Amino acid sequence: MSQAGGFWNWKIILIGAQMLFVAFGAMVLMPLLTGLDPSVALFTAGLGTLLFQWITRRSIPVFLASSFVFVAPISHGVQQWGVPATMGALFCTAVVYVILGALVKWRGPGFLHRLMPPVVTGPIIMVIGLSLAPTAVNFAMGMSGNGELQMFPYADALLVSMVSLLTTMLVATLGHGLFRLLPILCGVMAGYLTALAMGMVDFSGVSQSSWL
């Protein structure tokens, strides 16, 4: 393999690793927020990712995960009709996705752009992000997502979260070459190393686990 080919493979691996970190948090947090089983989300996301990579012949370094678009309807569905009915509705949503995918393959993405132009999709994404902001703030202050449990001291958690945030922002704006493509991965690594140095990382679960 040529040097350029090797570099490209490492580049794809690092970008894929960043996508994994980004998607994993969303994948676990979404079922926790909605009352569903995170294990089911993990299994289906892994299966879906393998299927996606097989269909696209590994052309896109993407890890499929949960979508926050469905947080409100899933939460309402679980409270109103229970988990089984909500899972059935999600299955129907998946069928609609497959139909839309077939339409895009047949007619191209033009009709989707006309149906949902940026002036529509932009505010929707903003509303989703703003609705999840309290959860992110609680995590940054060392609390659980709903703010009911204080998991780490406020000052320690805030220091780790700010190191992660500033590292991400600096790499995104000042980074060059490969690093400019990996701001979130750099932020995760900086935050983890800071938490490790402050004694906030607990390895007891790993040391007590069996190899298989």
Protein backbone atom coordinates (compact mmCIF):
# COMPACT_ATOMS: atom_id res chain seq x y z
CA MET A 1 0.00 0.00 0.00
CA SER A 2 1.31 3.45 -0.85
CA GLN A 3 2.07 6.08 1.74
CA ALA A 4 -0.79 8.23 0.47
CA GLY A 5 -3.18 5.27 0.68
CA GLY A 6 -2.03 4.50 4.23
CA PHE A 7 -2.52 8.12 5.28
CA TRP A 8 -5.98 8.16 3.75
CA ASN A 9 -6.94 5.01 5.64
CA TRP A 10 -5.71 6.48 8.93
CA LYS A 11 -7.58 9.67 8.16
CA ILE A 12 -10.80 7.75 7.55
CA ILE A 13 -10.26 5.76 10.77
CA LEU A 14 -9.82 8.92 12.86
CA ILE A 15 -12.84 10.64 11.31
CA GLY A 16 -14.87 7.49 11.90
CA ALA A 17 -13.68 7.38 15.53
CA GLN A 18 -14.81 10.98 16.00
CA MET A 19 -18.20 10.09 14.53
CA LEU A 20 -18.39 7.15 16.93
CA PHE A 21 -17.81 9.39 19.95
CA VAL A 22 -20.37 11.91 18.71
CA ALA A 23 -22.99 9.31 17.89
CA PHE A 24 -22.47 7.13 20.96
CA GLY A 25 -23.46 9.87 23.40
CA ALA A 26 -26.61 10.60 21.41
CA MET A 27 -27.37 6.93 20.97
CA VAL A 28 -27.35 6.20 24.72
CA LEU A 29 -28.81 9.52 25.88
CA MET A 30 -31.85 9.44 23.60
CA PRO A 31 -33.32 6.16 24.94
CA LEU A 32 -32.53 7.26 28.51
CA LEU A 33 -34.48 10.48 27.93
CA THR A 34 -37.43 8.70 26.35
CA GLY A 35 -37.72 5.63 28.58
CA LEU A 36 -36.56 3.07 26.01
CA ASP A 37 -33.86 0.41 26.43
CA PRO A 38 -30.30 1.62 25.62
CA SER A 39 -29.24 -1.99 24.90
CA VAL A 40 -31.74 -2.18 22.06
CA ALA A 41 -30.43 1.13 20.71
CA LEU A 42 -26.84 -0.13 20.86
CA PHE A 43 -27.65 -3.40 19.07
CA THR A 44 -29.79 -1.86 16.33
CA ALA A 45 -27.33 0.99 15.76
CA GLY A 46 -24.47 -1.49 15.34
CA LEU A 47 -26.53 -3.67 13.00
CA GLY A 48 -27.69 -0.66 11.01
CA THR A 49 -24.14 0.68 10.73
CA LEU A 50 -22.82 -2.64 9.42
CA LEU A 51 -25.65 -2.81 6.90
CA PHE A 52 -25.07 0.81 5.85
CA GLN A 53 -21.33 0.23 5.37
CA TRP A 54 -22.02 -2.91 3.34
CA ILE A 55 -24.51 -1.14 1.05
CA THR A 56 -22.31 1.93 0.53
CA ARG A 57 -19.13 -0.19 0.24
CA ARG A 58 -17.50 1.67 3.14
CA SER A 59 -17.44 4.93 1.18
CA ILE A 60 -18.59 7.11 4.13
CA PRO A 61 -17.01 6.91 7.63
CA VAL A 62 -20.33 7.11 9.45
CA PHE A 63 -21.73 5.47 12.58
CA LEU A 64 -25.53 5.41 12.68
CA ALA A 65 -27.14 6.33 16.00
CA SER A 66 -30.31 7.63 17.59
CA SER A 67 -31.93 10.80 16.30
CA PHE A 68 -32.96 13.55 18.69
CA VAL A 69 -35.66 14.55 16.21
CA PHE A 70 -37.87 11.87 17.76
CA VAL A 71 -37.30 12.69 21.45
CA ALA A 72 -40.60 14.56 21.92
CA PRO A 73 -42.90 12.15 20.02
CA ILE A 74 -41.25 9.07 21.57
CA SER A 75 -41.55 10.47 25.09
CA HIS A 76 -45.19 11.32 24.49
CA GLY A 77 -45.85 7.92 22.91
CA VAL A 78 -44.28 6.01 25.81
CA GLN A 79 -46.29 7.97 28.37
CA GLN A 80 -49.55 7.81 26.42
CA TRP A 81 -49.54 4.33 24.85
CA GLY A 82 -46.58 2.45 26.32
CA VAL A 83 -43.33 1.09 24.93
CA PRO A 84 -44.75 -1.66 22.63
CA ALA A 85 -47.01 0.74 20.72
CA THR A 86 -44.24 3.31 20.47
CA MET A 87 -41.81 0.72 19.10
CA GLY A 88 -44.45 -0.23 16.52
CA ALA A 89 -44.72 3.42 15.50
CA LEU A 90 -40.93 3.61 15.17
CA PHE A 91 -41.02 0.55 12.90
CA CYS A 92 -43.54 2.35 10.67
CA THR A 93 -41.23 5.38 10.67
CA ALA A 94 -38.41 3.14 9.45
CA VAL A 95 -40.63 1.92 6.60
CA VAL A 96 -41.27 5.54 5.61
CA TYR A 97 -37.50 6.14 5.63
CA VAL A 98 -37.00 3.17 3.29
CA ILE A 99 -39.69 4.50 0.93
CA LEU A 100 -38.09 7.96 0.93
CA GLY A 101 -34.70 6.40 0.25
CA ALA A 102 -36.15 4.55 -2.75
CA LEU A 103 -37.72 7.79 -4.03
CA VAL A 104 -34.39 9.63 -3.70
CA LYS A 105 -32.64 6.86 -5.61
CA TRP A 106 -35.32 6.97 -8.30
CA ARG A 107 -35.94 10.73 -8.67
CA GLY A 108 -32.91 12.27 -6.94
CA PRO A 109 -32.91 14.53 -3.86
CA GLY A 110 -34.43 17.53 -5.65
CA PHE A 111 -37.99 16.96 -4.43
CA LEU A 112 -36.77 16.76 -0.82
CA HIS A 113 -34.98 20.09 -1.21
CA ARG A 114 -38.20 21.64 -2.53
CA LEU A 115 -40.29 20.04 0.22
CA MET A 116 -37.88 20.95 3.03
CA PRO A 117 -35.63 23.86 2.01
CA PRO A 118 -32.94 25.19 4.38
CA VAL A 119 -35.33 27.84 5.70
CA VAL A 120 -37.43 24.95 7.08
CA THR A 121 -34.80 22.46 8.18
CA GLY A 122 -32.53 25.09 9.79
CA PRO A 123 -35.01 26.27 12.45
CA ILE A 124 -36.02 22.66 13.16
CA ILE A 125 -32.40 21.75 13.92
CA MET A 126 -32.05 24.88 16.07
CA VAL A 127 -35.16 24.00 18.08
CA ILE A 128 -33.88 20.47 18.67
CA GLY A 129 -30.52 21.79 19.87
CA LEU A 130 -32.06 24.42 22.13
CA SER A 131 -34.46 21.89 23.66
CA LEU A 132 -31.48 19.72 24.62
CA ALA A 133 -29.39 22.61 25.97
CA PRO A 134 -30.55 22.12 29.60
CA THR A 135 -29.32 18.51 29.51
CA ALA A 136 -25.90 19.61 28.25
CA VAL A 137 -25.69 22.32 30.92
CA ASN A 138 -26.54 19.81 33.65
CA PHE A 139 -23.85 17.44 32.43
CA ALA A 140 -21.33 20.30 32.31
CA MET A 141 -22.10 21.08 35.96
CA GLY A 142 -21.60 17.47 37.05
CA MET A 143 -25.27 16.53 37.34
CA SER A 144 -27.39 13.90 35.64
CA GLY A 145 -29.25 14.89 32.48
CA ASN A 146 -32.43 15.77 34.37
CA GLY A 147 -30.52 17.64 37.07
CA GLU A 148 -31.76 15.41 39.93
CA LEU A 149 -28.41 13.80 40.80
CA GLN A 150 -25.06 15.49 41.49
CA MET A 151 -22.49 13.01 40.13
CA PHE A 152 -19.33 15.15 40.42
CA PRO A 153 -18.40 18.32 42.34
CA TYR A 154 -19.57 21.42 40.50
CA ALA A 155 -16.14 23.05 40.16
CA ASP A 156 -14.40 19.87 38.96
CA ALA A 157 -17.08 19.08 36.39
CA LEU A 158 -17.11 22.66 35.10
CA LEU A 159 -13.32 22.63 34.67
CA VAL A 160 -13.43 19.40 32.65
CA SER A 161 -16.33 20.59 30.50
CA MET A 162 -14.67 23.94 29.77
CA VAL A 163 -11.38 22.26 28.83
CA SER A 164 -13.31 20.05 26.41
CA LEU A 165 -15.28 22.96 24.97
CA LEU A 166 -12.31 25.29 24.54
CA THR A 167 -10.18 22.54 22.97
CA THR A 168 -12.95 21.76 20.48
CA MET A 169 -13.38 25.44 19.57
CA LEU A 170 -9.65 26.11 19.22
CA VAL A 171 -9.02 23.05 17.05
CA ALA A 172 -12.04 23.87 14.87
CA THR A 173 -10.92 27.46 14.30
CA LEU A 174 -7.12 27.31 14.45
CA GLY A 175 -6.32 23.70 13.52
CA HIS A 176 -4.63 22.80 10.25
CA GLY A 177 -4.70 19.72 8.07
CA LEU A 178 -6.06 16.58 9.67
CA PHE A 179 -6.59 18.18 13.10
CA ARG A 180 -9.07 20.66 11.64
CA LEU A 181 -11.31 17.70 10.77
CA LEU A 182 -11.19 16.28 14.32
CA PRO A 183 -12.25 19.04 16.75
CA ILE A 184 -14.70 16.89 18.70
CA LEU A 185 -12.28 13.98 19.03
CA CYS A 186 -9.60 16.37 20.31
CA GLY A 187 -12.09 17.87 22.78
CA VAL A 188 -13.06 14.42 24.06
CA MET A 189 -9.41 13.43 24.51
CA ALA A 190 -8.56 16.68 26.31
CA GLY A 191 -11.55 16.36 28.63
CA TYR A 192 -10.82 12.71 29.37
CA LEU A 193 -7.17 13.38 30.19
CA THR A 194 -8.20 16.26 32.45
CA ALA A 195 -10.75 14.08 34.24
CA LEU A 196 -8.16 11.31 34.56
CA ALA A 197 -5.64 13.68 36.11
CA MET A 198 -8.29 14.90 38.59
CA GLY A 199 -9.21 11.37 39.67
CA MET A 200 -12.71 11.53 38.20
CA VAL A 201 -12.36 8.36 36.08
CA ASP A 202 -13.45 5.14 37.78
CA PHE A 203 -11.87 1.95 36.41
CA SER A 204 -13.52 -0.39 38.94
CA GLY A 205 -16.16 -1.52 36.45
CA VAL A 206 -13.46 -2.47 33.96
CA SER A 207 -11.21 -4.25 36.48
CA GLN A 208 -14.12 -6.29 37.88
CA SER A 209 -15.44 -7.37 34.49
CA SER A 210 -14.61 -10.71 32.90
CA TRP A 211 -12.64 -10.87 29.67
CA LEU A 212 -15.65 -12.18 27.72
